Amino acid sequence: MMDIRDNWRVILLAVFLVVSTFAMFSPGVGGDSTGSNGAVVEEESGGPTNLKFGLELSGGTRIRAPVDGVTAENVEVPSRTAGGTIEKRVAGNLSDVSAADVTVRLATARNETTTVEVFSNNVTEDELGAALEASGYSYETIRPGVTEQTRNTVVRILRDKISKAGLSGGRVQQVETADGQHFVVIEMPNTNQSEVEELVTERGQVQVVAGFPAQNQTGNGTQYKRVPLLSQGDFSSIGTAEETQGLGPNVPVVLNQEAAENFSNAMRNFGFVTEGVGQCRWRTTPDNPGYCLYTVVDGETVYAANMGSRLAGTFRQEKFTQSPQFVMSTTNMSEARELQIHLNAGALPASLNMEQGTSYFLAPSLAEEFKLYSLITGLVAVGAVSVVVFLRYGDPKVAAPMLVTALSEVVILLGFAAAVQLPLDLSHIAGFIAVIGTGVDDLIIIADEVMSEGDVSSSRVFQSRFRKAFWVIGAAAATTIIAMSPLAVLSLGDLQGFAIITILGVLIGVLITRPAYGDILRSLLTNK
């Protein structure tokens, strides 16, 4: 009967193998992702297993682009300036730039200096400098790009957009090149290029704009005004895109209290609740549109709605604020779903500059070939190691446990990947192969050390020799972890995935599989 106290390391290895196998094959481990409408979204998986495959093994799109913008640093501004004043002044001295395209970050404990950012690819450093001087603000330097806070916001909103769109398995991250340039990288497995580009390169600024005849008419005919009334921050609740009889594709929304009051007052003041009811003619006579509520996304009007008589009645009776809800209509369901995504995720502070970026698409059929070749490469590696080990020792009692233990590391790593839903790419596969090689190297060191001086029938002698070998293995593991750590921490693309798998494999080997192999070898070679 097995002595649990003497063989607890083997039992620990067996437990990890069982848990890893459960993580790989048990339905529901890792969980299906839930879309924005509550529906379950199936991720790209490895068929009967719970393994997830990344871009290189499932196909998809990768976009790498900088964030549009130019930033002035160490800007001298009055400490008591009304909110929005700086943005309006700077925007007023730039062509084709609104106050929404300018962000000021005052110096705080978090921000060492005051910065002014302009989110436009049409504004040069010289133009921003001239605009700041014309506004009465001095500055120290102006550079292309945006601040770290803006980049973090862009990454967060892009993740939200991908999640709300039901595109699971994607990854959004920042990377920095050796010369200090910053890029945002989006990887979307099993997704076509145009879909991803459309989703992540648009800013997603949504507005409800009131269009109505101006009060002061001229001899040139009716003049119309457009006044923005609502934006993303004014909505307290966003419904699911749907197609309703009589309303068409739409997104139900609920306003917060302050926005509801402002909206209600504007509808009465602009005449929408009297002569403007049902008087939107934008689609038939765009030059004489009448009273319209426009849904505008990134400056483009996607729909123009009439003021309904029932809704107008709530404005006239000042009851709208009691239940501030209405629907934002679009021309088709695709636009409605996109509108819902933008409303839920929010507007990007700046867009991605695709002219300075790259876009890459890998066909799923080619990715399937990579997957097959990766499997073949792994099997060849295992076969080659098996041949070398059996030729080296010729004793199945030494070689067989060595191979089983080495492959156990791969099983545990695959279980970990399935549990955390790590999308496996070619870099991870390279890491698995490296783990097999380094694992067998360490096991050979153990076997050679304990068998090098002849008879090893005594458990005490075995333990003494095993400790010597384990010190060597531990030192080698520490060296590997130290060497790989910079690659695992820095955003260096595929090298990061390789380094992470290698480090995890080394830790699993030192803490679990190598000690277990020692116990197995002791049981086979020593007398009880």
Protein backbone atom coordinates (compact mmCIF):
# COMPACT_ATOMS: atom_id res chain seq x y z
CA MET A 1 0.00 0.00 0.00
CA MET A 2 1.28 3.46 -0.92
CA ASP A 3 2.68 5.52 1.94
CA ILE A 4 0.97 8.91 1.52
CA ARG A 5 3.59 10.70 3.61
CA ASP A 6 6.46 9.47 1.42
CA ASN A 7 4.64 9.89 -1.90
CA TRP A 8 2.61 13.07 -1.40
CA ARG A 9 4.41 14.73 -4.32
CA VAL A 10 3.15 12.03 -6.69
CA ILE A 11 -0.36 12.46 -5.29
CA LEU A 12 -0.08 16.24 -5.80
CA LEU A 13 0.93 15.69 -9.43
CA ALA A 14 -2.02 13.34 -9.92
CA VAL A 15 -4.38 15.95 -8.44
CA PHE A 16 -3.07 18.63 -10.82
CA LEU A 17 -3.47 16.27 -13.77
CA VAL A 18 -7.08 15.47 -12.82
CA VAL A 19 -7.93 19.16 -12.34
CA SER A 20 -6.24 20.10 -15.64
CA THR A 21 -8.08 17.35 -17.51
CA PHE A 22 -11.35 18.53 -16.00
CA ALA A 23 -10.58 22.12 -17.05
CA MET A 24 -9.86 21.01 -20.63
CA PHE A 25 -12.80 18.70 -21.22
CA SER A 26 -15.59 19.51 -18.78
CA PRO A 27 -18.42 21.51 -20.42
CA GLY A 28 -18.83 25.03 -19.13
CA VAL A 29 -15.35 25.48 -17.64
CA GLY A 30 -14.17 28.98 -18.46
CA GLY A 31 -17.76 29.90 -19.24
CA ASP A 32 -19.36 31.09 -22.42
CA SER A 33 -19.27 34.84 -22.74
CA THR A 34 -22.47 36.79 -22.52
CA GLY A 35 -23.29 39.39 -25.11
CA SER A 36 -24.68 42.84 -24.48
CA ASN A 37 -28.23 41.62 -24.88
CA GLY A 38 -27.79 38.80 -22.42
CA ALA A 39 -27.44 36.13 -25.11
CA VAL A 40 -24.72 33.52 -24.79
CA VAL A 41 -21.92 33.99 -27.30
CA GLU A 42 -19.89 30.96 -28.32
CA GLU A 43 -16.15 31.58 -28.44
CA GLU A 44 -13.70 30.02 -30.89
CA SER A 45 -12.62 26.85 -29.13
CA GLY A 46 -10.65 23.73 -29.81
CA GLY A 47 -13.62 21.51 -30.67
CA PRO A 48 -14.20 18.89 -27.95
CA THR A 49 -11.89 20.74 -25.54
CA ASN A 50 -12.29 24.04 -23.71
CA LEU A 51 -9.09 25.40 -25.23
CA LYS A 52 -9.39 28.76 -26.96
CA PHE A 53 -7.33 29.66 -30.01
CA GLY A 54 -6.03 33.09 -30.82
CA LEU A 55 -5.65 34.85 -34.12
CA GLU A 56 -2.88 32.69 -35.58
CA LEU A 57 -4.70 29.41 -34.92
CA SER A 58 -8.28 30.42 -35.66
CA GLY A 59 -7.95 33.21 -38.23
CA GLY A 60 -9.09 36.77 -37.79
CA THR A 61 -7.98 40.39 -37.84
CA ARG A 62 -5.17 42.30 -36.17
CA ILE A 63 -5.08 46.11 -36.19
CA ARG A 64 -2.09 48.07 -34.92
CA ALA A 65 -2.42 51.85 -35.00
CA PRO A 66 -1.50 54.97 -33.01
CA VAL A 67 -4.10 57.25 -31.46
CA ASP A 68 -4.76 60.46 -33.38
CA GLY A 69 -3.69 63.58 -31.56
CA VAL A 70 -1.09 66.15 -30.64
CA THR A 71 -0.22 67.18 -27.06
CA ALA A 72 1.19 70.36 -25.51
CA GLU A 73 2.98 69.85 -22.19
CA ASN A 74 3.71 72.19 -19.27
CA VAL A 75 0.98 74.56 -20.36
CA GLU A 76 0.60 77.62 -18.15
CA VAL A 77 -3.10 78.26 -17.47
CA PRO A 78 -4.85 80.26 -14.73
CA SER A 79 -5.64 78.12 -11.70
CA ARG A 80 -9.23 79.36 -11.56
CA THR A 81 -10.49 78.97 -15.09
CA ALA A 82 -14.12 78.03 -15.65
CA GLY A 83 -14.65 74.48 -16.83
CA GLY A 84 -14.54 74.20 -20.62
CA THR A 85 -13.11 77.70 -21.15
CA ILE A 86 -9.65 76.53 -22.20
CA GLU A 87 -11.08 73.93 -24.57
CA LYS A 88 -13.36 76.48 -26.24
CA ARG A 89 -10.60 79.07 -26.64
CA VAL A 90 -8.12 76.61 -28.12
CA ALA A 91 -10.73 75.05 -30.42
CA GLY A 92 -11.80 78.53 -31.55
CA ASN A 93 -8.28 79.19 -32.82
CA LEU A 94 -8.10 75.96 -34.80
CA SER A 95 -9.93 75.18 -38.02
CA ASP A 96 -12.38 72.26 -38.13
CA VAL A 97 -11.90 71.50 -34.42
CA SER A 98 -14.66 71.59 -31.80
CA ALA A 99 -14.31 71.91 -28.04
CA ALA A 100 -15.09 68.19 -27.78
CA ASP A 101 -11.82 67.48 -29.65
CA VAL A 102 -9.75 69.31 -27.03
CA THR A 103 -8.95 67.93 -23.57
CA VAL A 104 -7.13 69.76 -20.79
CA ARG A 105 -5.55 67.79 -17.93
CA LEU A 106 -4.54 70.09 -15.09
CA ALA A 107 -1.45 69.31 -13.03
CA THR A 108 -2.32 67.13 -10.02
CA ALA A 109 -0.61 64.55 -7.86
CA ARG A 110 -1.27 62.09 -10.69
CA ASN A 111 -0.49 64.45 -13.57
CA GLU A 112 2.90 66.06 -13.12
CA THR A 113 2.21 68.78 -15.69
CA THR A 114 -0.76 70.48 -17.30
CA THR A 115 -1.37 69.15 -20.80
CA VAL A 116 -3.61 70.20 -23.67
CA GLU A 117 -4.53 67.49 -26.18
CA VAL A 118 -6.16 67.98 -29.55
CA PHE A 119 -7.64 64.81 -31.05
CA SER A 120 -7.33 65.39 -34.78
CA ASN A 121 -4.98 64.19 -37.49
CA ASN A 122 -5.37 67.52 -39.29
CA VAL A 123 -3.76 69.67 -36.56
CA THR A 124 0.03 70.07 -36.66
CA GLU A 125 2.32 70.89 -33.76
CA ASP A 126 2.85 74.41 -35.10
CA GLU A 127 -0.89 75.00 -35.41
CA LEU A 128 -1.51 73.92 -31.83
CA GLY A 129 1.31 76.16 -30.63
CA ALA A 130 -0.14 79.13 -32.48
CA ALA A 131 -3.63 78.38 -31.10
CA LEU A 132 -2.31 78.26 -27.52
CA GLU A 133 -0.45 81.54 -27.94
CA ALA A 134 -3.51 83.18 -29.50
CA SER A 135 -5.54 81.95 -26.51
CA GLY A 136 -3.04 83.49 -24.09
CA TYR A 137 -1.47 80.26 -22.81
CA SER A 138 2.25 79.56 -22.79
CA TYR A 139 3.70 76.08 -23.10
CA GLU A 140 7.00 74.24 -22.92
CA THR A 141 6.85 71.52 -25.59
CA ILE A 142 4.45 70.08 -28.16
CA ARG A 143 4.70 66.51 -29.36
CA PRO A 144 2.69 64.18 -31.57
CA GLY A 145 0.51 61.61 -29.80
CA VAL A 146 -1.70 61.67 -26.72
CA THR A 147 -1.25 61.17 -22.98
CA GLU A 148 -1.20 57.83 -21.20
CA GLN A 149 -4.59 58.56 -19.61
CA THR A 150 -6.13 59.00 -23.06
CA ARG A 151 -4.58 55.79 -24.33
CA ASN A 152 -5.91 53.91 -21.29
CA THR A 153 -9.37 55.32 -21.96
CA VAL A 154 -9.19 54.30 -25.62
CA VAL A 155 -8.21 50.73 -24.66
CA ARG A 156 -11.02 50.47 -22.08
CA ILE A 157 -13.69 51.75 -24.46
CA LEU A 158 -12.50 49.51 -27.30
CA ARG A 159 -12.75 46.51 -24.98
CA ASP A 160 -16.28 47.58 -24.09
CA LYS A 161 -17.21 48.00 -27.76
CA ILE A 162 -15.90 44.54 -28.61
CA SER A 163 -17.76 43.05 -25.66
CA LYS A 164 -21.02 44.85 -26.47
CA ALA A 165 -20.75 43.73 -30.09
CA GLY A 166 -20.61 40.09 -28.96
CA LEU A 167 -17.15 39.60 -30.50
CA SER A 168 -15.58 37.42 -27.82
CA GLY A 169 -12.04 36.15 -27.62
CA GLY A 170 -10.59 39.50 -28.71
CA ARG A 171 -7.70 41.34 -27.12
CA VAL A 172 -6.93 45.05 -26.90
CA GLN A 173 -3.63 46.25 -25.50
CA GLN A 174 -1.04 49.00 -25.67
CA VAL A 175 2.45 48.40 -27.05
CA GLU A 176 5.49 50.67 -27.04
CA THR A 177 8.22 50.47 -29.65
CA ALA A 178 11.93 50.81 -28.97
CA ASP A 179 11.88 54.45 -30.13
CA GLY A 180 9.06 55.37 -27.71
CA GLN A 181 6.09 55.26 -30.09
CA HIS A 182 2.80 54.05 -28.63
CA PHE A 183 0.32 51.86 -30.51
CA VAL A 184 -3.01 50.25 -29.71
CA VAL A 185 -3.22 46.63 -30.88
CA ILE A 186 -6.58 44.93 -31.44
CA GLU A 187 -6.72 41.21 -32.19
CA MET A 188 -10.05 39.63 -33.08
CA PRO A 189 -10.05 35.88 -33.79
CA ASN A 190 -12.46 34.56 -36.42
CA THR A 191 -13.65 38.07 -37.40
CA ASN A 192 -13.47 39.70 -40.82
CA GLN A 193 -11.33 42.78 -41.36
CA SER A 194 -14.01 45.27 -42.39
CA GLU A 195 -16.15 44.50 -39.33
CA VAL A 196 -13.30 45.13 -36.91
CA GLU A 197 -12.06 48.26 -38.69
CA GLU A 198 -15.53 49.77 -38.71
CA LEU A 199 -16.00 49.05 -35.01
CA VAL A 200 -12.68 50.27 -33.63
CA THR A 201 -11.66 53.12 -35.93
CA GLU A 202 -14.81 55.21 -35.47
CA ARG A 203 -15.01 57.43 -32.41
CA GLY A 204 -18.65 56.55 -31.80
CA GLN A 205 -19.81 60.02 -30.74
CA VAL A 206 -23.60 59.89 -30.56
CA GLN A 207 -25.76 63.02 -30.37
CA VAL A 208 -29.43 63.86 -30.55
CA VAL A 209 -29.62 67.13 -32.47
CA ALA A 210 -32.68 69.35 -32.81
CA GLY A 211 -33.17 70.87 -36.27
CA PHE A 212 -35.80 73.61 -36.61
CA PRO A 213 -36.58 76.87 -38.48
CA ALA A 214 -34.78 79.91 -37.10
CA GLN A 215 -36.93 82.59 -35.51
CA ASN A 216 -35.46 85.39 -37.62
CA GLN A 217 -36.25 84.74 -41.28
CA THR A 218 -34.42 86.38 -44.19
CA GLY A 219 -35.29 87.12 -47.76
CA ASN A 220 -33.32 84.06 -48.83
CA GLY A 221 -35.98 81.72 -47.49
CA THR A 222 -36.28 79.72 -44.29
CA GLN A 223 -33.06 79.38 -42.34
CA TYR A 224 -32.59 76.32 -40.13
CA LYS A 225 -30.69 75.86 -36.90
CA ARG A 226 -29.18 72.68 -35.50
CA VAL A 227 -28.70 72.48 -31.74
CA PRO A 228 -27.07 69.43 -30.07
CA LEU A 229 -29.24 68.36 -27.14
CA LEU A 230 -28.10 64.94 -25.91
CA SER A 231 -24.92 62.88 -25.91
CA GLN A 232 -23.78 59.59 -24.34
CA GLY A 233 -23.44 60.95 -20.83
CA ASP A 234 -27.10 62.03 -20.75
CA PHE A 235 -28.52 58.49 -20.85
CA SER A 236 -29.11 56.57 -17.62
CA SER A 237 -30.31 53.40 -19.35
CA ILE A 238 -29.78 51.92 -22.82
CA GLY A 239 -32.16 49.28 -24.14
CA THR A 240 -31.55 46.54 -26.69
CA ALA A 241 -31.76 47.29 -30.40
CA GLU A 242 -35.11 46.05 -31.70
CA GLU A 243 -37.53 46.46 -34.56
CA THR A 244 -40.93 47.71 -33.41
CA GLN A 245 -44.03 47.87 -35.59
CA GLY A 246 -44.68 51.48 -36.50
CA LEU A 247 -41.29 52.67 -35.28
CA GLY A 248 -38.90 50.49 -37.27
CA PRO A 249 -35.40 49.65 -35.98
CA ASN A 250 -34.71 51.57 -32.78
CA VAL A 251 -32.94 51.66 -29.44
CA PRO A 252 -35.03 52.53 -26.32
CA VAL A 253 -33.28 54.98 -23.99
CA VAL A 254 -33.92 56.61 -20.62
CA LEU A 255 -32.47 60.05 -19.77
CA ASN A 256 -31.04 61.12 -16.45
CA GLN A 257 -32.98 63.79 -14.58
CA GLU A 258 -30.89 66.82 -15.54
CA ALA A 259 -30.80 65.86 -19.23
CA ALA A 260 -34.56 65.18 -19.19
CA GLU A 261 -35.30 68.67 -17.87
CA ASN A 262 -33.04 70.33 -20.44
CA PHE A 263 -34.50 68.22 -23.26
CA SER A 264 -38.06 69.01 -22.22
CA ASN A 265 -37.39 72.76 -22.03
CA ALA A 266 -35.67 72.73 -25.44
CA MET A 267 -38.60 70.94 -27.09
CA ARG A 268 -41.01 73.61 -25.84
CA ASN A 269 -38.72 76.55 -26.63
CA PHE A 270 -37.91 75.37 -30.16
CA GLY A 271 -41.56 74.79 -31.12
CA PHE A 272 -41.43 71.00 -31.40
CA VAL A 273 -44.52 70.54 -29.20
CA THR A 274 -46.75 72.91 -31.20
CA GLU A 275 -46.22 73.59 -34.90
CA GLY A 276 -43.36 71.06 -35.05
CA VAL A 277 -45.43 67.93 -34.30
CA GLY A 278 -45.07 65.46 -37.18
CA GLN A 279 -43.29 68.02 -39.37
CA CYS A 280 -39.97 66.33 -40.23
CA ARG A 281 -39.42 66.28 -44.03
CA TRP A 282 -35.67 65.59 -44.07
CA ARG A 283 -35.82 62.51 -46.31
CA THR A 284 -38.20 63.99 -48.87
CA THR A 285 -37.05 67.63 -48.90
CA PRO A 286 -33.64 67.87 -47.19
CA ASP A 287 -33.35 71.56 -48.11
CA ASN A 288 -36.58 72.29 -46.22
CA PRO A 289 -36.60 69.60 -43.48
CA GLY A 290 -38.94 71.23 -40.97
CA TYR A 291 -38.74 70.13 -37.32
CA CYS A 292 -36.53 67.07 -36.95
CA LEU A 293 -34.76 65.21 -34.16
CA TYR A 294 -31.58 63.90 -35.74
CA THR A 295 -29.59 60.89 -34.52
CA VAL A 296 -25.99 61.80 -35.37
CA VAL A 297 -23.06 59.36 -35.10
CA ASP A 298 -19.58 60.77 -35.66
CA GLY A 299 -21.05 63.80 -37.41
CA GLU A 300 -23.17 61.74 -39.81
CA THR A 301 -26.95 61.83 -39.59
CA VAL A 302 -28.21 58.26 -39.48
CA TYR A 303 -31.88 59.09 -38.91
CA ALA A 304 -34.27 62.02 -38.68
CA ALA A 305 -37.36 61.52 -36.52
CA ASN A 306 -40.71 63.30 -36.25
CA MET A 307 -41.97 64.61 -32.95
CA GLY A 308 -44.85 62.27 -32.13
CA SER A 309 -48.09 63.70 -30.80
CA ARG A 310 -48.05 61.54 -27.65
CA LEU A 311 -44.47 62.52 -26.77
CA ALA A 312 -45.23 66.17 -27.54
CA GLY A 313 -48.13 65.99 -25.10
CA THR A 314 -45.82 64.92 -22.28
CA PHE A 315 -43.59 67.90 -23.03
CA ARG A 316 -46.51 70.35 -23.09
CA GLN A 317 -47.86 69.05 -19.79
CA GLU A 318 -44.31 68.98 -18.35
CA LYS A 319 -44.70 65.29 -17.49
CA PHE A 320 -41.75 64.03 -19.53
CA THR A 321 -39.36 64.26 -16.56
CA GLN A 322 -41.55 61.83 -14.62
CA SER A 323 -40.80 59.08 -17.16
CA PRO A 324 -37.95 60.39 -19.38
CA GLN A 325 -37.83 57.65 -21.98
CA PHE A 326 -38.14 57.53 -25.76
CA VAL A 327 -36.66 55.60 -28.71
CA MET A 328 -33.79 56.54 -31.03
CA SER A 329 -34.68 55.25 -34.49
CA THR A 330 -32.42 54.21 -37.36
CA THR A 331 -32.97 53.10 -40.96
CA ASN A 332 -32.00 49.44 -40.42
CA MET A 333 -31.13 46.95 -37.67
CA SER A 334 -27.41 47.10 -38.44
CA GLU A 335 -27.37 50.81 -37.63
CA ALA A 336 -29.53 50.21 -34.55
CA ARG A 337 -27.11 47.61 -33.18
CA GLU A 338 -24.15 49.90 -33.89
CA LEU A 339 -25.97 52.76 -32.17
CA GLN A 340 -26.57 50.56 -29.12
CA ILE A 341 -22.86 49.63 -28.99
CA HIS A 342 -21.78 53.28 -29.11
CA LEU A 343 -24.30 54.32 -26.46
CA ASN A 344 -23.27 51.54 -24.09
CA ALA A 345 -19.50 51.73 -24.55
CA GLY A 346 -19.23 55.49 -24.88
CA ALA A 347 -17.35 57.64 -27.36
CA LEU A 348 -13.65 57.22 -27.96
CA PRO A 349 -11.80 60.41 -26.95
CA ALA A 350 -9.77 60.04 -30.15
CA SER A 351 -9.82 57.80 -33.18
CA LEU A 352 -7.10 55.43 -34.35
CA ASN A 353 -4.90 56.65 -37.20
CA MET A 354 -5.03 53.82 -39.73
CA GLU A 355 -2.79 55.73 -42.17
CA GLN A 356 0.11 55.29 -39.75
CA GLY A 357 -1.04 51.86 -38.63
CA THR A 358 -1.35 48.41 -40.12
CA SER A 359 -4.22 46.00 -40.60
CA TYR A 360 -3.75 42.28 -41.02
CA PHE A 361 -6.21 39.50 -41.82
CA LEU A 362 -5.52 35.75 -41.60
CA ALA A 363 -7.96 33.46 -43.35
CA PRO A 364 -9.47 30.75 -41.09
CA SER A 365 -8.50 28.07 -43.63
CA LEU A 366 -4.83 29.05 -43.33
CA ALA A 367 -5.12 29.16 -39.55
CA GLU A 368 -6.43 25.58 -39.59
CA GLU A 369 -3.26 24.56 -41.40
CA PHE A 370 -1.17 26.28 -38.74
CA LYS A 371 -3.13 24.40 -36.10
CA LEU A 372 -2.44 21.07 -37.84
CA TYR A 373 1.24 21.84 -38.31
CA SER A 374 1.52 22.87 -34.65
CA LEU A 375 0.08 19.50 -33.59
CA ILE A 376 2.46 17.66 -35.90
CA THR A 377 5.43 19.67 -34.58
CA GLY A 378 4.46 18.85 -31.00
CA LEU A 379 4.16 15.14 -31.78
CA VAL A 380 7.52 15.14 -33.57
CA ALA A 381 9.11 16.85 -30.56
CA VAL A 382 7.65 14.25 -28.19
CA GLY A 383 8.75 11.41 -30.47
CA ALA A 384 12.29 12.75 -30.79
CA VAL A 385 12.62 13.18 -27.04
CA SER A 386 11.26 9.64 -26.46
CA VAL A 387 13.80 8.11 -28.84
CA VAL A 388 16.73 9.98 -27.28
CA VAL A 389 15.69 9.09 -23.72
CA PHE A 390 15.27 5.36 -24.44
CA LEU A 391 18.57 5.26 -26.33
CA ARG A 392 20.28 7.03 -23.45
CA TYR A 393 19.03 4.77 -20.66
CA GLY A 394 17.58 1.64 -22.22
CA ASP A 395 15.79 0.96 -18.93
CA PRO A 396 12.01 1.51 -19.10
CA LYS A 397 11.91 1.99 -15.32
CA VAL A 398 13.91 5.22 -15.79
CA ALA A 399 12.80 6.41 -19.24
CA ALA A 400 9.03 5.79 -19.12
CA PRO A 401 8.37 7.81 -15.93
CA MET A 402 10.60 10.55 -17.37
CA LEU A 403 8.45 10.93 -20.49
CA VAL A 404 5.18 10.70 -18.57
CA THR A 405 6.35 13.35 -16.12
CA ALA A 406 7.54 15.68 -18.89
CA LEU A 407 4.23 15.39 -20.75
CA SER A 408 2.39 16.03 -17.48
CA GLU A 409 3.77 19.56 -17.52
CA VAL A 410 2.17 20.16 -20.91
CA VAL A 411 -1.16 18.76 -19.71
CA ILE A 412 -1.12 21.03 -16.65
CA LEU A 413 -0.24 24.06 -18.81
CA LEU A 414 -3.08 23.25 -21.22
CA GLY A 415 -5.45 22.92 -18.28
CA PHE A 416 -4.34 26.32 -17.01
CA ALA A 417 -4.88 27.84 -20.48
CA ALA A 418 -8.37 26.34 -20.65
CA ALA A 419 -9.27 27.54 -17.16
CA VAL A 420 -8.20 31.16 -17.73
CA GLN A 421 -9.45 31.16 -21.34
CA LEU A 422 -6.01 32.02 -22.72
CA PRO A 423 -6.21 32.25 -26.55
CA LEU A 424 -3.38 30.01 -27.75
CA ASP A 425 -1.18 31.29 -30.57
CA LEU A 426 1.97 30.04 -32.28
CA SER A 427 4.10 31.74 -29.61
CA HIS A 428 2.40 29.66 -26.93
CA ILE A 429 2.94 26.47 -28.95
CA ALA A 430 6.65 27.34 -29.15
CA GLY A 431 6.60 27.76 -25.37
CA PHE A 432 5.06 24.30 -24.92
CA ILE A 433 7.82 22.74 -27.05
CA ALA A 434 10.46 24.60 -25.05
CA VAL A 435 8.87 23.32 -21.83
CA ILE A 436 9.11 19.73 -23.07
CA GLY A 437 12.79 20.21 -23.89
CA THR A 438 13.82 21.94 -20.67
CA GLY A 439 11.70 19.53 -18.61
CA VAL A 440 13.40 16.45 -20.04
CA ASP A 441 16.80 18.12 -19.56
CA ASP A 442 16.08 18.51 -15.86
CA LEU A 443 14.81 14.96 -15.53
CA ILE A 444 17.95 13.66 -17.21
CA ILE A 445 20.02 15.60 -14.68
CA ILE A 446 18.10 13.90 -11.87
CA ALA A 447 18.46 10.42 -13.37
CA ASP A 448 22.17 10.82 -14.12
CA GLU A 449 22.96 12.20 -10.67
CA VAL A 450 21.18 9.47 -8.70
CA MET A 451 22.56 6.66 -10.92
CA SER A 452 26.06 8.00 -11.57
CA GLU A 453 27.81 6.33 -8.64
CA GLY A 454 26.46 2.83 -8.96
CA ASP A 455 24.23 1.22 -6.33
CA VAL A 456 21.28 3.35 -5.29
CA SER A 457 19.23 0.80 -3.38
CA SER A 458 19.32 2.86 -0.19
CA SER A 459 16.65 5.54 0.17
CA ARG A 460 19.07 7.67 2.19
CA VAL A 461 21.66 7.59 -0.62
CA PHE A 462 18.97 8.34 -3.20
CA GLN A 463 17.71 11.37 -1.27
CA SER A 464 21.24 12.74 -0.89
CA ARG A 465 21.95 12.49 -4.61
CA PHE A 466 18.50 13.81 -5.52
CA ARG A 467 19.04 16.94 -3.40
CA LYS A 468 22.30 17.68 -5.26
CA ALA A 469 20.52 17.36 -8.60
CA PHE A 470 17.60 19.47 -7.44
CA TRP A 471 19.90 22.33 -6.43
CA VAL A 472 21.27 22.38 -9.97
CA ILE A 473 17.73 22.31 -11.42
CA GLY A 474 16.59 25.08 -9.09
CA ALA A 475 19.49 27.33 -10.09
CA ALA A 476 18.81 26.71 -13.78
CA ALA A 477 15.10 27.45 -13.27
CA ALA A 478 15.89 30.73 -11.50
CA THR A 479 18.17 31.73 -14.36
CA THR A 480 15.48 30.95 -16.93
CA ILE A 481 12.82 32.91 -15.03
CA ILE A 482 15.10 35.93 -14.64
CA ALA A 483 16.03 35.84 -18.34
CA MET A 484 12.42 35.50 -19.49
CA SER A 485 10.85 38.00 -17.08
CA PRO A 486 11.54 41.13 -19.20
CA LEU A 487 9.94 39.44 -22.22
CA ALA A 488 6.90 38.49 -20.15
CA VAL A 489 6.44 42.01 -18.79
CA LEU A 490 7.24 44.14 -21.83
CA SER A 491 4.74 44.41 -24.68
CA LEU A 492 6.87 42.69 -27.31
CA GLY A 493 4.17 40.88 -29.24
CA ASP A 494 4.63 37.14 -29.73
CA LEU A 495 7.70 37.03 -27.49
CA GLN A 496 5.49 37.79 -24.51
CA GLY A 497 3.34 34.68 -24.99
CA PHE A 498 6.43 32.50 -25.41
CA ALA A 499 7.99 33.90 -22.23
CA ILE A 500 4.84 33.48 -20.12
CA ILE A 501 4.38 29.81 -21.07
CA THR A 502 8.07 29.10 -20.52
CA ILE A 503 8.06 30.69 -17.05
CA LEU A 504 4.88 28.85 -16.05
CA GLY A 505 6.35 25.59 -17.31
CA VAL A 506 9.53 26.08 -15.30
CA LEU A 507 7.56 26.87 -12.13
CA ILE A 508 5.31 23.83 -12.58
CA GLY A 509 8.39 21.68 -13.14
CA VAL A 510 10.30 22.86 -10.09
CA LEU A 511 7.32 22.86 -7.74
CA ILE A 512 5.35 19.82 -8.93
CA THR A 513 6.70 17.51 -11.64
CA ARG A 514 10.44 17.28 -10.77
CA PRO A 515 9.80 16.36 -7.11
CA ALA A 516 7.13 13.86 -8.22
CA TYR A 517 9.60 12.25 -10.65
CA GLY A 518 12.08 11.96 -7.79
CA ASP A 519 9.54 10.05 -5.69
CA ILE A 520 8.65 7.77 -8.63
CA LEU A 521 12.32 7.04 -9.34
CA ARG A 522 12.99 6.37 -5.65
CA SER A 523 10.13 3.86 -5.53
CA LEU A 524 11.46 2.04 -8.59
CA LEU A 525 15.19 2.00 -7.75
CA THR A 526 15.41 1.65 -3.97
CA ASN A 527 14.56 -1.16 -1.59
CA LYS A 528 11.64 -0.60 0.78
